[in-house]
Protein backbone atom coordinates (compact mmCIF):
# COMPACT_ATOMS: atom_id res chain seq x y z
CA MET A 1 -71.17 -38.82 8.37
CA MET A 2 -69.40 -35.81 6.90
CA LYS A 3 -66.67 -36.08 9.55
CA LEU A 4 -66.20 -39.76 8.73
CA LEU A 5 -65.83 -39.08 5.00
CA LEU A 6 -63.43 -36.21 5.68
CA SER A 7 -61.40 -38.44 7.99
CA LYS A 8 -61.11 -41.15 5.33
CA TYR A 9 -60.20 -38.55 2.71
CA LEU A 10 -57.43 -37.07 4.86
CA TYR A 11 -56.15 -40.56 5.68
CA ARG A 12 -55.82 -41.34 1.97
CA ILE A 13 -53.99 -38.08 1.34
CA VAL A 14 -51.51 -38.82 4.12
CA LEU A 15 -51.08 -42.38 2.88
CA VAL A 16 -50.39 -41.25 -0.70
CA CYS A 17 -47.87 -38.68 0.52
CA LEU A 18 -45.99 -40.92 2.93
CA LEU A 19 -45.95 -44.35 1.29
CA PRO A 20 -43.41 -43.37 -1.41
CA PHE A 21 -41.16 -42.09 1.38
CA VAL A 22 -41.62 -45.25 3.47
CA ALA A 23 -41.28 -47.58 0.47
CA GLN A 24 -37.75 -46.23 -0.02
CA ALA A 25 -36.85 -46.96 3.60
CA GLN A 26 -34.05 -49.35 2.70
CA GLU A 27 -32.12 -46.38 1.28
CA LEU A 28 -32.35 -44.36 4.51
CA TYR A 29 -28.80 -45.39 5.30
CA ILE A 30 -27.42 -45.10 8.81
CA LEU A 31 -24.04 -43.52 8.01
CA ASN A 32 -24.41 -42.19 4.47
CA GLU A 33 -26.90 -39.96 2.73
CA PRO A 34 -28.82 -41.32 -0.30
CA ALA A 35 -29.37 -39.22 -3.40
CA SER A 36 -33.05 -38.93 -2.38
CA ASN A 37 -34.16 -36.13 -0.06
CA ILE A 38 -36.63 -35.82 2.77
CA PRO A 39 -40.02 -34.41 1.64
CA LYS A 40 -40.55 -30.70 1.17
CA GLY A 41 -41.31 -28.97 4.45
CA ALA A 42 -40.36 -31.99 6.56
CA LEU A 43 -38.10 -31.55 9.59
CA GLY A 44 -35.85 -34.37 10.70
CA VAL A 45 -34.39 -34.34 14.22
CA ARG A 46 -31.63 -36.89 14.81
CA LEU A 47 -29.78 -37.73 18.02
CA ILE A 48 -26.40 -39.41 17.41
CA HIS A 49 -24.35 -41.36 19.92
CA MET A 50 -20.98 -42.77 18.84
CA HIS A 51 -18.36 -44.49 20.95
CA TYR A 52 -15.25 -46.59 20.59
CA PRO A 53 -12.63 -47.93 23.03
CA ASN A 54 -10.25 -45.41 24.51
CA GLU A 55 -6.89 -45.32 22.70
CA GLN A 56 -5.13 -44.73 26.05
CA PRO A 57 -5.33 -48.07 27.93
CA ASN A 58 -4.26 -46.48 31.26
CA SER A 59 -6.83 -43.71 31.15
CA THR A 60 -9.79 -43.60 33.50
CA ASP A 61 -12.05 -43.03 30.48
CA ARG A 62 -13.59 -46.24 29.15
CA PHE A 63 -14.82 -44.85 25.86
CA ARG A 64 -14.20 -42.02 23.47
CA LEU A 65 -17.62 -40.45 22.89
CA MET A 66 -19.25 -38.20 20.32
CA HIS A 67 -22.80 -36.86 20.58
CA ALA A 68 -24.51 -34.75 17.94
CA LEU A 69 -27.90 -33.23 17.21
CA ARG A 70 -28.85 -33.05 13.53
CA LEU A 71 -31.64 -30.76 12.34
CA ALA A 72 -32.50 -31.49 8.69
CA TYR A 73 -35.08 -29.63 6.60
CA GLY A 74 -36.55 -30.28 3.17
CA ILE A 75 -36.49 -26.96 1.31
CA SER A 76 -38.06 -28.61 -1.73
CA GLY A 77 -38.40 -32.10 -3.13
CA ARG A 78 -34.91 -31.74 -4.61
CA TRP A 79 -33.07 -29.61 -2.05
CA MET A 80 -32.40 -30.18 1.65
CA LEU A 81 -29.96 -29.05 4.33
CA TRP A 82 -28.92 -29.83 7.87
CA VAL A 83 -27.12 -28.26 10.83
CA GLN A 84 -25.33 -30.57 13.25
CA PRO A 85 -23.53 -29.37 16.41
CA ALA A 86 -21.36 -32.03 18.05
CA PHE A 87 -19.81 -32.68 21.46
CA SER A 88 -17.00 -35.15 22.15
CA ASN A 89 -14.03 -36.14 24.31
CA HIS A 90 -11.82 -36.86 21.29
CA HIS A 91 -9.26 -34.11 21.91
CA SER A 92 -7.15 -32.51 24.56
CA LEU A 93 -7.15 -28.73 24.90
CA GLU A 94 -3.85 -28.51 23.02
CA LEU A 95 -1.56 -30.66 20.92
CA PRO A 96 0.46 -33.25 22.88
CA PRO A 97 3.86 -31.99 24.07
CA ASP A 98 5.54 -35.00 22.46
CA LEU A 99 3.76 -34.55 19.13
CA VAL A 100 6.83 -35.45 17.08
CA ASN A 101 8.40 -37.81 19.62
CA HIS A 102 6.03 -40.76 19.88
CA TYR A 103 4.36 -43.41 17.79
CA HIS A 104 1.50 -45.90 18.17
CA ILE A 105 1.37 -49.70 17.93
CA GLY A 106 -2.27 -50.76 17.90
CA THR A 107 -3.74 -49.12 20.99
CA GLN A 108 -0.35 -48.68 22.69
CA THR A 109 1.47 -45.33 22.74
CA VAL A 110 5.28 -45.69 22.67
CA PHE A 111 7.37 -42.69 23.71
CA TYR A 112 10.92 -41.89 22.67
CA SER A 113 11.54 -39.95 25.88
CA SER A 114 12.32 -41.66 29.19
CA ASN A 115 9.55 -39.74 30.95
CA PRO A 116 6.29 -40.25 29.02
CA GLN A 117 3.58 -37.70 29.52
CA GLN A 118 0.98 -38.32 32.20
CA VAL A 119 -2.16 -39.82 30.67
CA VAL A 120 -4.95 -37.30 31.22
CA PRO A 121 -8.58 -37.96 30.21
CA TYR A 122 -9.71 -35.66 27.40
CA PRO A 123 -12.45 -33.19 28.35
CA TYR A 124 -15.97 -33.62 26.99
CA ARG A 125 -16.80 -30.38 25.23
CA TYR A 126 -18.31 -28.68 22.18
CA ALA A 127 -16.41 -29.86 19.10
CA GLY A 128 -17.92 -27.80 16.26
CA THR A 129 -20.94 -27.57 13.96
CA HIS A 130 -21.32 -29.35 10.65
CA PHE A 131 -23.42 -27.82 7.83
CA TYR A 132 -24.58 -29.91 4.88
CA THR A 133 -26.74 -29.31 1.82
CA LYS A 134 -27.73 -31.63 -1.01
CA TYR A 135 -29.45 -31.08 -4.37
CA LEU A 136 -31.12 -33.88 -6.32
CA PHE A 137 -30.48 -33.16 -10.00
CA LEU A 138 -31.48 -36.48 -11.61
CA LYS A 139 -34.58 -38.63 -11.04
CA HIS A 140 -35.71 -41.66 -13.02
CA ASP A 141 -38.56 -43.46 -11.25
CA GLU A 142 -40.45 -46.61 -12.13
CA ARG A 143 -42.51 -48.98 -10.03
CA ASN A 144 -40.23 -50.47 -7.32
CA ASP A 145 -37.25 -49.18 -9.27
CA HIS A 146 -35.52 -45.83 -9.42
CA PHE A 147 -32.18 -44.21 -10.14
CA ARG A 148 -31.20 -40.88 -8.61
CA ALA A 149 -28.14 -38.63 -8.46
CA ALA A 150 -27.39 -35.63 -6.26
CA ILE A 151 -24.56 -33.24 -5.47
CA TYR A 152 -23.71 -32.07 -1.97
CA ALA A 153 -21.61 -29.49 -0.17
CA GLU A 154 -20.54 -29.36 3.46
CA TYR A 155 -18.75 -27.06 5.87
CA SER A 156 -17.44 -27.52 9.42
CA THR A 157 -16.56 -24.98 12.11
CA ALA A 158 -14.50 -27.54 14.10
CA ASN A 159 -11.10 -26.26 15.19
CA ASN A 160 -9.63 -28.87 17.52
CA PRO A 161 -6.02 -29.88 18.32
CA HIS A 162 -6.27 -32.82 15.94
CA GLU A 163 -3.02 -34.77 15.79
CA GLU A 164 -3.82 -37.24 13.00
CA ALA A 165 -3.29 -36.52 9.30
CA GLU A 166 -6.80 -37.74 8.44
CA ALA A 167 -9.38 -34.95 8.17
CA ASN A 168 -12.87 -35.45 9.62
CA LEU A 169 -15.35 -32.59 9.34
CA TYR A 170 -17.80 -33.88 11.94
CA ASP A 171 -15.80 -33.05 15.06
CA ASP A 172 -12.05 -33.09 14.30
CA THR A 173 -11.11 -30.54 11.65
CA GLY A 174 -12.79 -27.52 10.15
CA GLY A 175 -13.03 -27.03 6.41
CA TRP A 176 -15.32 -27.74 3.51
CA GLY A 177 -16.19 -30.54 1.14
CA ALA A 178 -18.30 -31.40 -1.90
CA GLY A 179 -19.20 -34.48 -3.87
CA LEU A 180 -21.63 -36.73 -5.70
CA VAL A 181 -24.19 -39.31 -4.51
CA ILE A 182 -25.67 -41.95 -6.83
CA THR A 183 -28.47 -44.25 -5.60
CA LYS A 184 -30.19 -47.20 -7.26
CA LEU A 185 -33.27 -48.85 -5.75
CA TYR A 186 -34.67 -52.13 -7.06
CA HIS A 187 -37.52 -53.83 -5.18
CA ARG A 188 -36.13 -54.61 -1.71
CA TRP A 189 -32.55 -53.64 -2.47
CA ALA A 190 -30.92 -50.21 -2.52
CA LEU A 191 -27.33 -49.42 -3.48
CA SER A 192 -25.68 -46.03 -3.10
CA TYR A 193 -22.22 -44.66 -3.83
CA THR A 194 -20.80 -41.44 -2.43
CA THR A 195 -17.55 -39.83 -3.50
CA GLY A 196 -16.28 -36.44 -2.51
CA VAL A 197 -13.39 -34.18 -1.62
CA ILE A 198 -12.53 -32.81 1.83
CA VAL A 199 -10.48 -29.60 2.07
CA PRO A 200 -9.56 -29.18 5.76
CA HIS A 201 -8.44 -26.03 7.50
CA PRO A 202 -5.10 -26.07 9.38
CA TYR A 203 -4.86 -25.98 13.16
CA GLU A 204 -2.54 -23.61 15.00
CA GLY A 205 -1.63 -24.14 18.63
CA THR A 206 1.26 -25.17 20.83
CA SER A 207 3.12 -28.42 21.46
CA GLY A 208 5.57 -28.62 24.30
CA GLY A 209 5.43 -24.84 24.64
CA LEU A 210 6.41 -24.30 20.99
CA PRO A 211 4.07 -22.71 18.41
CA THR A 212 2.90 -25.54 16.17
CA ARG A 213 0.84 -25.62 13.00
CA MET A 214 -0.82 -28.80 11.72
CA GLU A 215 -1.63 -28.70 8.00
CA TYR A 216 -3.90 -31.50 6.78
CA GLY A 217 -3.93 -32.39 3.09
CA VAL A 218 -6.90 -32.64 0.75
CA ALA A 219 -8.68 -35.97 1.30
CA TRP A 220 -11.06 -38.06 -0.80
CA LYS A 221 -13.81 -40.31 0.49
CA TYR A 222 -15.42 -43.30 -1.24
CA ASN A 223 -18.46 -44.76 0.52
CA LEU A 224 -20.60 -47.66 -0.69
CA SER A 225 -23.90 -48.52 1.02
CA LEU A 226 -26.20 -51.51 0.56
CA GLY A 227 -29.66 -51.71 2.12
CA TYR A 228 -32.22 -54.51 2.23
CA LEU A 229 -35.88 -54.18 3.27
CA LEU A 230 -36.48 -57.16 5.58
CA ALA A 231 -40.06 -56.33 6.62
CA PRO A 232 -42.88 -55.81 5.88
CA ARG A 233 -43.28 -58.01 2.86
CA VAL A 234 -46.27 -55.97 1.58
CA TYR A 235 -47.13 -52.32 2.33
CA ARG A 236 -50.71 -51.67 3.42
CA ASP A 237 -50.59 -48.47 5.45
CA TYR A 238 -48.09 -46.02 6.92
CA HIS A 239 -48.54 -47.44 10.44
CA GLN A 240 -46.58 -50.56 9.50
CA ASN A 241 -43.12 -50.83 10.99
CA ASN A 242 -40.07 -51.33 8.78
CA THR A 243 -36.98 -53.37 9.47
CA ASN A 244 -33.94 -52.74 7.26
CA LEU A 245 -30.48 -54.27 7.17
CA TYR A 246 -27.37 -52.41 5.99
CA VAL A 247 -23.76 -52.97 5.04
CA GLU A 248 -21.77 -49.78 4.48
CA LEU A 249 -18.17 -49.50 3.32
CA MET A 250 -16.36 -46.29 4.29
CA GLY A 251 -13.15 -45.51 2.41
CA LYS A 252 -10.81 -42.54 2.57
CA GLN A 253 -7.53 -41.45 1.02
CA TYR A 254 -5.42 -38.62 2.42
CA PRO A 255 -1.80 -37.37 2.27
CA ALA A 256 0.65 -36.87 5.11
CA ALA A 257 0.21 -33.95 7.47
CA ARG A 258 2.66 -31.05 7.45
CA ILE A 259 3.93 -30.24 10.94
CA ILE A 260 5.52 -26.81 11.32
CA GLN A 261 6.95 -26.23 14.77
CA ASP A 262 8.58 -22.98 15.83
CA GLY A 263 8.79 -22.00 12.14
CA GLU A 264 10.49 -25.22 10.97
CA ARG A 265 9.06 -28.18 9.06
CA ILE A 266 9.28 -31.29 11.26
CA PRO A 267 9.48 -34.77 9.67
CA ALA A 268 6.65 -37.11 10.62
CA SER A 269 7.62 -39.58 13.35
CA SER A 270 4.36 -41.49 13.69
CA GLU A 271 1.98 -43.42 11.44
CA LEU A 272 -0.64 -40.95 12.68
CA HIS A 273 0.97 -38.26 10.54
CA ILE A 274 1.57 -40.12 7.29
CA GLY A 275 -0.84 -40.44 4.38
CA GLN A 276 -2.71 -43.62 3.54
CA TYR A 277 -5.79 -45.27 2.02
CA TYR A 278 -8.16 -47.48 3.99
CA TRP A 279 -11.60 -49.13 4.03
CA GLU A 280 -13.91 -49.82 6.97
CA VAL A 281 -17.02 -52.02 7.00
CA TYR A 282 -20.15 -51.29 9.06
CA ALA A 283 -23.12 -53.61 9.62
CA GLY A 284 -26.35 -52.08 10.86
CA ILE A 285 -30.03 -52.61 11.55
CA GLN A 286 -32.78 -50.02 11.41
CA LYS A 287 -36.37 -49.95 12.69
CA ILE A 288 -38.83 -47.40 11.32
CA VAL A 289 -41.95 -46.89 13.45
CA ASN A 290 -45.14 -45.26 12.11
CA SER A 291 -43.23 -43.95 9.08
CA ASN A 292 -41.66 -41.12 11.05
CA THR A 293 -39.32 -42.53 13.72
CA ARG A 294 -36.00 -44.27 13.01
CA ILE A 295 -34.11 -46.35 15.57
CA GLU A 296 -30.77 -47.67 14.31
CA ILE A 297 -27.48 -49.16 15.40
CA THR A 298 -24.34 -49.93 13.43
CA ILE A 299 -20.96 -51.47 14.33
CA GLY A 300 -17.78 -50.88 12.35
CA ALA A 301 -14.43 -52.64 11.96
CA PRO A 302 -11.39 -52.24 9.70
CA LEU A 303 -11.57 -54.01 6.34
CA TYR A 304 -8.35 -52.89 4.63
CA ARG A 305 -5.80 -51.12 6.79
CA ARG A 306 -7.44 -48.84 9.35
CA SER A 307 -8.30 -45.31 10.39
CA TYR A 308 -6.16 -43.73 13.10
CA ILE A 309 -8.75 -41.21 14.26
CA HIS A 310 -10.51 -43.92 16.28
CA ASN A 311 -10.12 -47.43 17.63
CA TYR A 312 -12.38 -50.39 16.92
CA PRO A 313 -15.10 -51.46 17.12
CA VAL A 314 -16.92 -48.21 16.39
CA VAL A 315 -20.52 -48.28 17.64
CA GLN A 316 -23.07 -45.70 16.53
CA ILE A 317 -26.66 -45.49 17.82
CA GLN A 318 -29.16 -43.04 16.34
CA LEU A 319 -32.71 -41.94 16.99
CA GLN A 320 -34.46 -39.77 14.40
CA HIS A 321 -37.99 -38.40 14.18
CA TYR A 322 -39.59 -36.72 11.16
CA PHE A 323 -42.12 -33.93 11.52
CA PHE A 324 -44.14 -33.80 8.30
CA PRO A 325 -45.99 -30.67 7.17
């Protein structure tokens, strides 16, 4: 009898602790972080698979791939961090020898020279580690309604021969960033806005045997995420599965890259090197099992202009499990 009462008591404690976390499931966005954090002492382990069509049509590679392992930890109810090493086949071992002598049309590479370089598949290798921390500084909670705001900072050790002007701290360019996240939840809907700055590190290597330095300008990102809780209609216990739908807009603005080759500034000869502003749209679905396992997939396409660091569609599949204290 005592064991039965203790079991019921522990069940209620777990239910009280986890239901607020599960009830906010529609703001566990696939691509963006909400202002909310994972619970104190919780460990989140996420496996990330991302692929998109190869930008070299004649290559033996079918897809460009990126795989990452994210380890996130809740230091407190307001402060969390993660470490995310990544592996990809997004880059060659050095800058292309015709860096300033070619341009792209869609997925086609057009060369100025009469003897274009041999298309060689990029190696799959370690691309860098991404560090991220977020602090929730504003909370206003009501029943089925809350407003939250957080600040974040990030740092990347990536140092790859990245040809494009656009900085990407996940697996392309090293550097740091910081920004603000604002999230509003109302019943089954959650809306979140992220804005931040990216300050990339330059890359130094060779192109065509000449010492070459790629300097990427300071970029700004503007991401808008919308989530909708499709099921269940009523929460009864933490064993119930969740199904959430998402639409996420990913925007970025960045200046032209500076290319310095053999000590001289080289004018940009490709749209890859110029600055621009673009928006992408991603549609996704997420399944949460037993309140601690997330299975999600999202597909992205250009909305206004496009990014040149990948082709489309961009497909991302993720599996995450939470270990609660």
